[in-house]
Amino acid sequence: QVSLWYTLMSINNKTAWSTWFTAANATLESLSGLSRSG
């Protein structure tokens, strides 16, 4: 949960802190180290 939250924060920062942003599962898997089900 901590890893996923930090991953979303990292992506959100790259979008200049947009309120809503999109993130593909493949990107989340690569950055967080989690599986799709995780």
Full PDB file with SEQRES, HELIX, SHEET, SSBOND, CRYST1, ORIGX, SCALE, CONECT and MASTER records, all heavy atoms in Angstrom:
SEQRES   1 A   38  GLN VAL SER LEU TRP TYR THR LEU MET SER ILE ASN ASN          
SEQRES   2 A   38  LYS THR ALA TRP SER THR TRP PHE THR ALA ALA ASN ALA          
SEQRES   3 A   38  THR LEU GLU SER LEU SER GLY LEU SER ARG SER GLY              
HELIX    1 AA1 VAL A    2  LYS A   14  1                                  13    
HELIX    2 AA2 ASN A   25  SER A   32  1                                   8    
CRYST1    1.000    1.000    1.000  90.00  90.00  90.00 P 1           1          
ORIGX1      1.000000  0.000000  0.000000        0.00000                         
ORIGX2      0.000000  1.000000  0.000000        0.00000                         
ORIGX3      0.000000  0.000000  1.000000        0.00000                         
SCALE1      1.000000  0.000000  0.000000        0.00000                         
SCALE2      0.000000  1.000000  0.000000        0.00000                         
SCALE3      0.000000  0.000000  1.000000        0.00000                         
ATOM      1  N   GLN A   1       0.831  -1.205   0.000  1.00  0.00           N  
ATOM      2  CA  GLN A   1       0.000   0.000   0.000  1.00  0.00           C  
ATOM      3  C   GLN A   1       0.866   1.256   0.000  1.00  0.00           C  
ATOM      4  O   GLN A   1       0.577   2.223  -0.705  1.00  0.00           O  
ATOM      5  CB  GLN A   1      -0.928  -0.022   1.217  1.00  0.00           C  
ATOM      6  CG  GLN A   1      -1.984  -1.121   1.147  1.00  0.00           C  
ATOM      7  CD  GLN A   1      -2.537  -1.508   2.504  1.00  0.00           C  
ATOM      8  OE1 GLN A   1      -2.288  -0.844   3.515  1.00  0.00           O  
ATOM      9  NE2 GLN A   1      -3.286  -2.605   2.551  1.00  0.00           N  
ATOM     10  N   VAL A   2       1.946   1.214   0.778  1.00  0.00           N  
ATOM     11  CA  VAL A   2       2.868   2.357   0.824  1.00  0.00           C  
ATOM     12  C   VAL A   2       3.534   2.549  -0.534  1.00  0.00           C  
ATOM     13  O   VAL A   2       3.639   3.664  -1.051  1.00  0.00           O  
ATOM     14  CB  VAL A   2       3.932   2.150   1.918  1.00  0.00           C  
ATOM     15  CG1 VAL A   2       4.991   3.243   1.847  1.00  0.00           C  
ATOM     16  CG2 VAL A   2       3.280   2.130   3.296  1.00  0.00           C  
ATOM     17  N   SER A   3       3.971   1.461  -1.119  1.00  0.00           N  
ATOM     18  CA  SER A   3       4.638   1.539  -2.421  1.00  0.00           C  
ATOM     19  C   SER A   3       3.711   2.099  -3.494  1.00  0.00           C  
ATOM     20  O   SER A   3       4.116   2.944  -4.301  1.00  0.00           O  
ATOM     21  CB  SER A   3       5.146   0.153  -2.834  1.00  0.00           C  
ATOM     22  OG  SER A   3       5.773   0.191  -4.090  1.00  0.00           O  
ATOM     23  N   LEU A   4       2.458   1.644  -3.504  1.00  0.00           N  
ATOM     24  CA  LEU A   4       1.510   2.120  -4.506  1.00  0.00           C  
ATOM     25  C   LEU A   4       1.201   3.598  -4.294  1.00  0.00           C  
ATOM     26  O   LEU A   4       1.108   4.369  -5.263  1.00  0.00           O  
ATOM     27  CB  LEU A   4       0.219   1.301  -4.441  1.00  0.00           C  
ATOM     28  CG  LEU A   4      -0.880   1.710  -5.442  1.00  0.00           C  
ATOM     29  CD1 LEU A   4      -0.364   1.644  -6.869  1.00  0.00           C  
ATOM     30  CD2 LEU A   4      -2.109   0.820  -5.274  1.00  0.00           C  
ATOM     31  N   TRP A   5       1.059   4.032  -3.046  1.00  0.00           N  
ATOM     32  CA  TRP A   5       0.768   5.442  -2.771  1.00  0.00           C  
ATOM     33  C   TRP A   5       1.914   6.327  -3.257  1.00  0.00           C  
ATOM     34  O   TRP A   5       1.687   7.360  -3.905  1.00  0.00           O  
ATOM     35  CB  TRP A   5       0.540   5.653  -1.268  1.00  0.00           C  
ATOM     36  CG  TRP A   5       0.084   7.056  -0.928  1.00  0.00           C  
ATOM     37  CD1 TRP A   5      -1.201   7.516  -0.903  1.00  0.00           C  
ATOM     38  CD2 TRP A   5       0.918   8.163  -0.572  1.00  0.00           C  
ATOM     39  NE1 TRP A   5      -1.228   8.844  -0.555  1.00  0.00           N  
ATOM     40  CE2 TRP A   5       0.056   9.267  -0.340  1.00  0.00           C  
ATOM     41  CE3 TRP A   5       2.278   8.333  -0.426  1.00  0.00           C  
ATOM     42  CZ2 TRP A   5       0.538  10.521   0.021  1.00  0.00           C  
ATOM     43  CZ3 TRP A   5       2.772   9.591  -0.068  1.00  0.00           C  
ATOM     44  CH2 TRP A   5       1.906  10.671   0.163  1.00  0.00           C  
ATOM     45  N   TYR A   6       3.159   5.937  -2.958  1.00  0.00           N  
ATOM     46  CA  TYR A   6       4.311   6.725  -3.406  1.00  0.00           C  
ATOM     47  C   TYR A   6       4.416   6.725  -4.931  1.00  0.00           C  
ATOM     48  O   TYR A   6       4.825   7.722  -5.541  1.00  0.00           O  
ATOM     49  CB  TYR A   6       5.597   6.179  -2.796  1.00  0.00           C  
ATOM     50  CG  TYR A   6       5.911   6.755  -1.436  1.00  0.00           C  
ATOM     51  CD1 TYR A   6       5.873   5.953  -0.291  1.00  0.00           C  
ATOM     52  CD2 TYR A   6       6.252   8.089  -1.280  1.00  0.00           C  
ATOM     53  CE1 TYR A   6       6.160   6.476   0.957  1.00  0.00           C  
ATOM     54  CE2 TYR A   6       6.536   8.623  -0.040  1.00  0.00           C  
ATOM     55  CZ  TYR A   6       6.491   7.816   1.082  1.00  0.00           C  
ATOM     56  OH  TYR A   6       6.782   8.336   2.309  1.00  0.00           O  
ATOM     57  N   THR A   7       4.050   5.619  -5.562  1.00  0.00           N  
ATOM     58  CA  THR A   7       4.073   5.558  -7.021  1.00  0.00           C  
ATOM     59  C   THR A   7       3.078   6.544  -7.615  1.00  0.00           C  
ATOM     60  O   THR A   7       3.397   7.277  -8.563  1.00  0.00           O  
ATOM     61  CB  THR A   7       3.735   4.130  -7.498  1.00  0.00           C  
ATOM     62  OG1 THR A   7       4.745   3.230  -7.040  1.00  0.00           O  
ATOM     63  CG2 THR A   7       3.654   4.065  -9.011  1.00  0.00           C  
ATOM     64  N   LEU A   8       1.881   6.588  -7.072  1.00  0.00           N  
ATOM     65  CA  LEU A   8       0.869   7.536  -7.549  1.00  0.00           C  
ATOM     66  C   LEU A   8       1.308   8.975  -7.290  1.00  0.00           C  
ATOM     67  O   LEU A   8       1.065   9.862  -8.129  1.00  0.00           O  
ATOM     68  CB  LEU A   8      -0.475   7.251  -6.870  1.00  0.00           C  
ATOM     69  CG  LEU A   8      -1.132   5.911  -7.252  1.00  0.00           C  
ATOM     70  CD1 LEU A   8      -2.370   5.656  -6.395  1.00  0.00           C  
ATOM     71  CD2 LEU A   8      -1.502   5.905  -8.735  1.00  0.00           C  
ATOM     72  N   MET A   9       1.966   9.228  -6.167  1.00  0.00           N  
ATOM     73  CA  MET A   9       2.499  10.563  -5.897  1.00  0.00           C  
ATOM     74  C   MET A   9       3.553  10.955  -6.930  1.00  0.00           C  
ATOM     75  O   MET A   9       3.593  12.092  -7.409  1.00  0.00           O  
ATOM     76  CB  MET A   9       3.112  10.603  -4.491  1.00  0.00           C  
ATOM     77  CG  MET A   9       2.115  10.832  -3.379  1.00  0.00           C  
ATOM     78  SD  MET A   9       1.496  12.542  -3.356  1.00  0.00           S  
ATOM     79  CE  MET A   9       2.983  13.431  -2.888  1.00  0.00           C  
ATOM     80  N   SER A  10       4.394  10.015  -7.279  1.00  0.00           N  
ATOM     81  CA  SER A  10       5.440  10.278  -8.270  1.00  0.00           C  
ATOM     82  C   SER A  10       4.837  10.621  -9.628  1.00  0.00           C  
ATOM     83  O   SER A  10       5.263  11.581 -10.285  1.00  0.00           O  
ATOM     84  CB  SER A  10       6.359   9.055  -8.395  1.00  0.00           C  
ATOM     85  OG  SER A  10       7.334   9.254  -9.395  1.00  0.00           O  
ATOM     86  N   ILE A  11       3.838   9.854 -10.043  1.00  0.00           N  
ATOM     87  CA  ILE A  11       3.190  10.120 -11.329  1.00  0.00           C  
ATOM     88  C   ILE A  11       2.430  11.436 -11.281  1.00  0.00           C  
ATOM     89  O   ILE A  11       2.456  12.230 -12.233  1.00  0.00           O  
ATOM     90  CB  ILE A  11       2.249   8.958 -11.698  1.00  0.00           C  
ATOM     91  CG1 ILE A  11       3.051   7.660 -11.876  1.00  0.00           C  
ATOM     92  CG2 ILE A  11       1.464   9.279 -12.956  1.00  0.00           C  
ATOM     93  CD1 ILE A  11       2.195   6.431 -12.089  1.00  0.00           C  
ATOM     94  N   ASN A  12       1.761  11.706 -10.169  1.00  0.00           N  
ATOM     95  CA  ASN A  12       1.015  12.948 -10.013  1.00  0.00           C  
ATOM     96  C   ASN A  12       1.941  14.159 -10.110  1.00  0.00           C  
ATOM     97  O   ASN A  12       1.599  15.196 -10.681  1.00  0.00           O  
ATOM     98  CB  ASN A  12       0.282  12.935  -8.666  1.00  0.00           C  
ATOM     99  CG  ASN A  12      -0.825  13.984  -8.583  1.00  0.00           C  
ATOM    100  OD1 ASN A  12      -1.424  14.199  -7.537  1.00  0.00           O  
ATOM    101  ND2 ASN A  12      -1.105  14.680  -9.681  1.00  0.00           N  
ATOM    102  N   ASN A  13       3.139  14.028  -9.556  1.00  0.00           N  
ATOM    103  CA  ASN A  13       4.116  15.118  -9.631  1.00  0.00           C  
ATOM    104  C   ASN A  13       4.501  15.412 -11.080  1.00  0.00           C  
ATOM    105  O   ASN A  13       4.669  16.568 -11.482  1.00  0.00           O  
ATOM    106  CB  ASN A  13       5.357  14.753  -8.831  1.00  0.00           C  
ATOM    107  CG  ASN A  13       6.459  15.781  -8.982  1.00  0.00           C  
ATOM    108  OD1 ASN A  13       6.372  16.901  -8.485  1.00  0.00           O  
ATOM    109  ND2 ASN A  13       7.527  15.402  -9.677  1.00  0.00           N  
ATOM    110  N   LYS A  14       4.639  14.341 -11.882  1.00  0.00           N  
ATOM    111  CA  LYS A  14       5.014  14.525 -13.289  1.00  0.00           C  
ATOM    112  C   LYS A  14       3.905  15.193 -14.091  1.00  0.00           C  
ATOM    113  O   LYS A  14       4.159  15.731 -15.181  1.00  0.00           O  
ATOM    114  CB  LYS A  14       5.373  13.171 -13.907  1.00  0.00           C  
ATOM    115  CG  LYS A  14       6.611  12.524 -13.291  1.00  0.00           C  
ATOM    116  CD  LYS A  14       6.926  11.195 -13.949  1.00  0.00           C  
ATOM    117  CE  LYS A  14       8.053  10.465 -13.223  1.00  0.00           C  
ATOM    118  NZ  LYS A  14       9.306  11.240 -13.197  1.00  0.00           N  
ATOM    119  N   THR A  15       2.685  15.153 -13.576  1.00  0.00           N  
ATOM    120  CA  THR A  15       1.572  15.823 -14.253  1.00  0.00           C  
ATOM    121  C   THR A  15       1.341  17.231 -13.704  1.00  0.00           C  
ATOM    122  O   THR A  15       0.299  17.823 -13.955  1.00  0.00           O  
ATOM    123  CB  THR A  15       0.280  15.011 -14.095  1.00  0.00           C  
ATOM    124  OG1 THR A  15      -0.113  14.995 -12.705  1.00  0.00           O  
ATOM    125  CG2 THR A  15       0.460  13.587 -14.589  1.00  0.00           C  
ATOM    126  N   ALA A  16       2.335  17.726 -12.960  1.00  0.00           N  
ATOM    127  CA  ALA A  16       2.239  19.068 -12.349  1.00  0.00           C  
ATOM    128  C   ALA A  16       1.074  19.139 -11.366  1.00  0.00           C  
ATOM    129  O   ALA A  16       0.369  20.142 -11.268  1.00  0.00           O  
ATOM    130  CB  ALA A  16       2.112  20.145 -13.413  1.00  0.00           C  
ATOM    131  N   TRP A  17       0.874  18.044 -10.628  1.00  0.00           N  
ATOM    132  CA  TRP A  17      -0.139  17.958  -9.578  1.00  0.00           C  
ATOM    133  C   TRP A  17      -1.545  18.196 -10.095  1.00  0.00           C  
ATOM    134  O   TRP A  17      -2.325  18.940  -9.509  1.00  0.00           O  
ATOM    135  CB  TRP A  17       0.178  18.922  -8.432  1.00  0.00           C  
ATOM    136  CG  TRP A  17       1.529  18.706  -7.830  1.00  0.00           C  
ATOM    137  CD1 TRP A  17       2.547  19.588  -7.802  1.00  0.00           C  
ATOM    138  CD2 TRP A  17       2.000  17.531  -7.155  1.00  0.00           C  
ATOM    139  NE1 TRP A  17       3.640  19.041  -7.181  1.00  0.00           N  
ATOM    140  CE2 TRP A  17       3.337  17.780  -6.766  1.00  0.00           C  
ATOM    141  CE3 TRP A  17       1.444  16.293  -6.856  1.00  0.00           C  
ATOM    142  CZ2 TRP A  17       4.112  16.850  -6.102  1.00  0.00           C  
ATOM    143  CZ3 TRP A  17       2.221  15.353  -6.194  1.00  0.00           C  
ATOM    144  CH2 TRP A  17       3.529  15.651  -5.817  1.00  0.00           C  
ATOM    145  N   SER A  18      -1.864  17.551 -11.206  1.00  0.00           N  
ATOM    146  CA  SER A  18      -3.244  17.595 -11.697  1.00  0.00           C  
ATOM    147  C   SER A  18      -4.162  16.893 -10.700  1.00  0.00           C  
ATOM    148  O   SER A  18      -3.767  15.911 -10.063  1.00  0.00           O  
ATOM    149  CB  SER A  18      -3.348  16.896 -13.059  1.00  0.00           C  
ATOM    150  OG  SER A  18      -2.530  17.545 -14.017  1.00  0.00           O  
ATOM    151  N   THR A  19      -5.386  17.397 -10.577  1.00  0.00           N  
ATOM    152  CA  THR A  19      -6.325  16.795  -9.623  1.00  0.00           C  
ATOM    153  C   THR A  19      -6.599  15.344  -9.996  1.00  0.00           C  
ATOM    154  O   THR A  19      -6.567  14.446  -9.153  1.00  0.00           O  
ATOM    155  CB  THR A  19      -7.638  17.584  -9.589  1.00  0.00           C  
ATOM    156  OG1 THR A  19      -7.352  18.954  -9.255  1.00  0.00           O  
ATOM    157  CG2 THR A  19      -8.581  16.994  -8.545  1.00  0.00           C  
ATOM    158  N   TRP A  20      -6.869  15.116 -11.274  1.00  0.00           N  
ATOM    159  CA  TRP A  20      -7.064  13.756 -11.786  1.00  0.00           C  
ATOM    160  C   TRP A  20      -6.008  13.481 -12.860  1.00  0.00           C  
ATOM    161  O   TRP A  20      -5.660  14.355 -13.650  1.00  0.00           O  
ATOM    162  CB  TRP A  20      -8.459  13.582 -12.389  1.00  0.00           C  
ATOM    163  CG  TRP A  20      -9.547  13.446 -11.351  1.00  0.00           C  
ATOM    164  CD1 TRP A  20     -10.268  14.448 -10.791  1.00  0.00           C  
ATOM    165  CD2 TRP A  20     -10.012  12.227 -10.763  1.00  0.00           C  
ATOM    166  NE1 TRP A  20     -11.164  13.934  -9.877  1.00  0.00           N  
ATOM    167  CE2 TRP A  20     -11.029  12.558  -9.838  1.00  0.00           C  
ATOM    168  CE3 TRP A  20      -9.683  10.881 -10.919  1.00  0.00           C  
ATOM    169  CZ2 TRP A  20     -11.711  11.620  -9.085  1.00  0.00           C  
ATOM    170  CZ3 TRP A  20     -10.361   9.935 -10.162  1.00  0.00           C  
ATOM    171  CH2 TRP A  20     -11.363  10.306  -9.261  1.00  0.00           C  
ATOM    172  N   PHE A  21      -5.484  12.279 -12.878  1.00  0.00           N  
ATOM    173  CA  PHE A  21      -4.484  11.887 -13.865  1.00  0.00           C  
ATOM    174  C   PHE A  21      -4.667  10.401 -14.162  1.00  0.00           C  
ATOM    175  O   PHE A  21      -5.284   9.671 -13.383  1.00  0.00           O  
ATOM    176  CB  PHE A  21      -3.066  12.148 -13.346  1.00  0.00           C  
ATOM    177  CG  PHE A  21      -2.741  11.412 -12.071  1.00  0.00           C  
ATOM    178  CD1 PHE A  21      -2.107  10.180 -12.091  1.00  0.00           C  
ATOM    179  CD2 PHE A  21      -3.082  11.957 -10.830  1.00  0.00           C  
ATOM    180  CE1 PHE A  21      -1.811   9.497 -10.916  1.00  0.00           C  
ATOM    181  CE2 PHE A  21      -2.795  11.284  -9.652  1.00  0.00           C  
ATOM    182  CZ  PHE A  21      -2.163  10.053  -9.693  1.00  0.00           C  
ATOM    183  N   THR A  22      -4.170   9.954 -15.287  1.00  0.00           N  
ATOM    184  CA  THR A  22      -4.291   8.545 -15.662  1.00  0.00           C  
ATOM    185  C   THR A  22      -2.962   7.826 -15.498  1.00  0.00           C  
ATOM    186  O   THR A  22      -1.889   8.422 -15.645  1.00  0.00           O  
ATOM    187  CB  THR A  22      -4.756   8.404 -17.128  1.00  0.00           C  
ATOM    188  OG1 THR A  22      -3.820   9.068 -17.984  1.00  0.00           O  
ATOM    189  CG2 THR A  22      -6.141   9.005 -17.309  1.00  0.00           C  
ATOM    190  N   ALA A  23      -3.040   6.552 -15.189  1.00  0.00           N  
ATOM    191  CA  ALA A  23      -1.835   5.724 -15.024  1.00  0.00           C  
ATOM    192  C   ALA A  23      -2.163   4.300 -15.464  1.00  0.00           C  
ATOM    193  O   ALA A  23      -3.108   3.691 -14.961  1.00  0.00           O  
ATOM    194  CB  ALA A  23      -1.353   5.735 -13.576  1.00  0.00           C  
ATOM    195  N   ALA A  24      -1.400   3.782 -16.401  1.00  0.00           N  
ATOM    196  CA  ALA A  24      -1.610   2.420 -16.878  1.00  0.00           C  
ATOM    197  C   ALA A  24      -1.118   1.413 -15.847  1.00  0.00           C  
ATOM    198  O   ALA A  24      -0.178   1.692 -15.088  1.00  0.00           O  
ATOM    199  CB  ALA A  24      -0.878   2.211 -18.203  1.00  0.00           C  
ATOM    200  N   ASN A  25      -1.746   0.252 -15.820  1.00  0.00           N  
ATOM    201  CA  ASN A  25      -1.334  -0.778 -14.870  1.00  0.00           C  
ATOM    202  C   ASN A  25       0.115  -1.202 -15.076  1.00  0.00           C  
ATOM    203  O   ASN A  25       0.835  -1.489 -14.121  1.00  0.00           O  
ATOM    204  CB  ASN A  25      -2.250  -2.002 -14.980  1.00  0.00           C  
ATOM    205  CG  ASN A  25      -3.626  -1.757 -14.378  1.00  0.00           C  
ATOM    206  OD1 ASN A  25      -3.774  -0.936 -13.479  1.00  0.00           O  
ATOM    207  ND2 ASN A  25      -4.624  -2.457 -14.881  1.00  0.00           N  
ATOM    208  N   ALA A  26       0.545  -1.243 -16.336  1.00  0.00           N  
ATOM    209  CA  ALA A  26       1.928  -1.631 -16.621  1.00  0.00           C  
ATOM    210  C   ALA A  26       2.906  -0.652 -15.990  1.00  0.00           C  
ATOM    211  O   ALA A  26       3.956  -1.048 -15.466  1.00  0.00           O  
ATOM    212  CB  ALA A  26       2.147  -1.704 -18.131  1.00  0.00           C  
ATOM    213  N   THR A  27       2.562   0.633 -16.017  1.00  0.00           N  
ATOM    214  CA  THR A  27       3.423   1.656 -15.395  1.00  0.00           C  
ATOM    215  C   THR A  27       3.457   1.480 -13.888  1.00  0.00           C  
ATOM    216  O   THR A  27       4.523   1.561 -13.267  1.00  0.00           O  
ATOM    217  CB  THR A  27       2.907   3.061 -15.750  1.00  0.00           C  
ATOM    218  OG1 THR A  27       2.887   3.212 -17.168  1.00  0.00           O  
ATOM    219  CG2 THR A  27       3.801   4.129 -15.136  1.00  0.00           C  
ATOM    220  N   LEU A  28       2.306   1.246 -13.300  1.00  0.00           N  
ATOM    221  CA  LEU A  28       2.234   1.047 -11.851  1.00  0.00           C  
ATOM    222  C   LEU A  28       3.007  -0.195 -11.433  1.00  0.00           C  
ATOM    223  O   LEU A  28       3.685  -0.204 -10.393  1.00  0.00           O  
ATOM    224  CB  LEU A  28       0.780   0.945 -11.405  1.00  0.00           C  
ATOM    225  CG  LEU A  28      -0.095   2.194 -11.630  1.00  0.00           C  
ATOM    226  CD1 LEU A  28      -1.521   1.936 -11.164  1.00  0.00           C  
ATOM    227  CD2 LEU A  28       0.492   3.397 -10.906  1.00  0.00           C  
ATOM    228  N   GLU A  29       2.907  -1.248 -12.221  1.00  0.00           N  
ATOM    229  CA  GLU A  29       3.636  -2.478 -11.915  1.00  0.00           C  
ATOM    230  C   GLU A  29       5.139  -2.232 -11.942  1.00  0.00           C  
ATOM    231  O   GLU A  29       5.883  -2.690 -11.064  1.00  0.00           O  
ATOM    232  CB  GLU A  29       3.279  -3.569 -12.928  1.00  0.00           C  
ATOM    233  CG  GLU A  29       1.857  -4.095 -12.798  1.00  0.00           C  
ATOM    234  CD  GLU A  29       1.524  -5.075 -13.917  1.00  0.00           C  
ATOM    235  OE1 GLU A  29       2.453  -5.665 -14.495  1.00  0.00           O  
ATOM    236  OE2 GLU A  29       0.334  -5.242 -14.225  1.00  0.00           O  
ATOM    237  N   SER A  30       5.600  -1.495 -12.950  1.00  0.00           N  
ATOM    238  CA  SER A  30       7.028  -1.245 -13.110  1.00  0.00           C  
ATOM    239  C   SER A  30       7.585  -0.391 -11.981  1.00  0.00           C  
ATOM    240  O   SER A  30       8.673  -0.656 -11.457  1.00  0.00           O  
ATOM    241  CB  SER A  30       7.277  -0.564 -14.460  1.00  0.00           C  
ATOM    242  OG  SER A  30       8.642  -0.221 -14.603  1.00  0.00           O  
ATOM    243  N   LEU A  31       6.856   0.645 -11.573  1.00  0.00           N  
ATOM    244  CA  LEU A  31       7.356   1.574 -10.560  1.00  0.00           C  
ATOM    245  C   LEU A  31       7.179   1.059  -9.137  1.00  0.00           C  
ATOM    246  O   LEU A  31       8.009   1.346  -8.272  1.00  0.00           O  
ATOM    247  CB  LEU A  31       6.652   2.930 -10.713  1.00  0.00           C  
ATOM    248  CG  LEU A  31       6.940   3.707 -11.996  1.00  0.00           C  
ATOM    249  CD1 LEU A  31       6.133   4.993 -12.038  1.00  0.00           C  
ATOM    250  CD2 LEU A  31       8.428   4.023 -12.102  1.00  0.00           C  
ATOM    251  N   SER A  32       6.108   0.344  -8.884  1.00  0.00           N  
ATOM    252  CA  SER A  32       5.816  -0.094  -7.515  1.00  0.00           C  
ATOM    253  C   SER A  32       6.383  -1.468  -7.189  1.00  0.00           C  
ATOM    254  O   SER A  32       6.557  -1.816  -6.022  1.00  0.00           O  
ATOM    255  CB  SER A  32       4.307  -0.110  -7.273  1.00  0.00           C  
ATOM    256  OG  SER A  32       3.689  -1.118  -8.050  1.00  0.00           O  
ATOM    257  N   GLY A  33       6.640  -2.272  -8.227  1.00  0.00           N  
ATOM    258  CA  GLY A  33       7.099  -3.640  -7.986  1.00  0.00           C  
ATOM    259  C   GLY A  33       5.976  -4.593  -7.629  1.00  0.00           C  
ATOM    260  O   GLY A  33       6.235  -5.735  -7.240  1.00  0.00           O  
ATOM    261  N   LEU A  34       4.735  -4.147  -7.770  1.00  0.00           N  
ATOM    262  CA  LEU A  34       3.579  -4.981  -7.439  1.00  0.00           C  
ATOM    263  C   LEU A  34       3.067  -5.703  -8.676  1.00  0.00           C  
ATOM    264  O   LEU A  34       3.301  -5.269  -9.806  1.00  0.00           O  
ATOM    265  CB  LEU A  34       2.455  -4.123  -6.849  1.00  0.00           C  
ATOM    266  CG  LEU A  34       2.754  -3.394  -5.533  1.00  0.00           C  
ATOM    267  CD1 LEU A  34       1.595  -2.455  -5.200  1.00  0.00           C  
ATOM    268  CD2 LEU A  34       2.989  -4.373  -4.403  1.00  0.00           C  
ATOM    269  N   SER A  35       2.348  -6.796  -8.458  1.00  0.00           N  
ATOM    270  CA  SER A  35       1.704  -7.510  -9.549  1.00  0.00           C  
ATOM    271  C   SER A  35       0.388  -6.812  -9.890  1.00  0.00           C  
ATOM    272  O   SER A  35      -0.057  -5.899  -9.183  1.00  0.00           O  
ATOM    273  CB  SER A  35       1.447  -8.958  -9.151  1.00  0.00           C  
ATOM    274  OG  SER A  35       0.535  -9.010  -8.055  1.00  0.00           O  
ATOM    275  N   ARG A  36      -0.229  -7.252 -10.979  1.00  0.00           N  
ATOM    276  CA  ARG A  36      -1.512  -6.655 -11.373  1.00  0.00           C  
ATOM    277  C   ARG A  36      -2.556  -6.842 -10.274  1.00  0.00           C  
ATOM    278  O   ARG A  36      -3.284  -5.906  -9.917  1.00  0.00           O  
ATOM    279  CB  ARG A  36      -1.986  -7.298 -12.693  1.00  0.00           C  
ATOM    280  CG  ARG A  36      -3.293  -6.729 -13.259  1.00  0.00           C  
ATOM    281  CD  ARG A  36      -3.082  -5.327 -13.798  1.00  0.00           C  
ATOM    282  NE  ARG A  36      -2.057  -5.296 -14.816  1.00  0.00           N  
ATOM    283  CZ  ARG A  36      -2.262  -5.496 -16.117  1.00  0.00           C  
ATOM    284  NH1 ARG A  36      -3.493  -5.742 -16.560  1.00  0.00           N  
ATOM    285  NH2 ARG A  36      -1.286  -5.419 -16.988  1.00  0.00           N  
ATOM    286  N   SER A  37      -2.628  -8.041  -9.720  1.00  0.00           N  
ATOM    287  CA  SER A  37      -3.602  -8.283  -8.652  1.00  0.00           C  
ATOM    288  C   SER A  37      -3.251  -7.496  -7.401  1.00  0.00           C  
ATOM    289  O   SER A  37      -4.138  -7.040  -6.663  1.00  0.00           O  
ATOM    290  CB  SER A  37      -3.650  -9.784  -8.335  1.00  0.00           C  
ATOM    291  OG  SER A  37      -2.377 -10.255  -7.906  1.00  0.00           O  
ATOM    292  N   GLY A  38      -1.945  -7.308  -7.160  1.00  0.00           N  
ATOM    293  CA  GLY A  38      -1.528  -6.523  -5.992  1.00  0.00           C  
ATOM    294  C   GLY A  38      -1.942  -5.074  -6.110  1.00  0.00           C  
ATOM    295  O   GLY A  38      -2.328  -4.439  -5.117  1.00  0.00           O  
TER     296      GLY A  38                                                      
MASTER        0    0    0    2    0    0    0    6  295    1    0    3          
END                                                                             
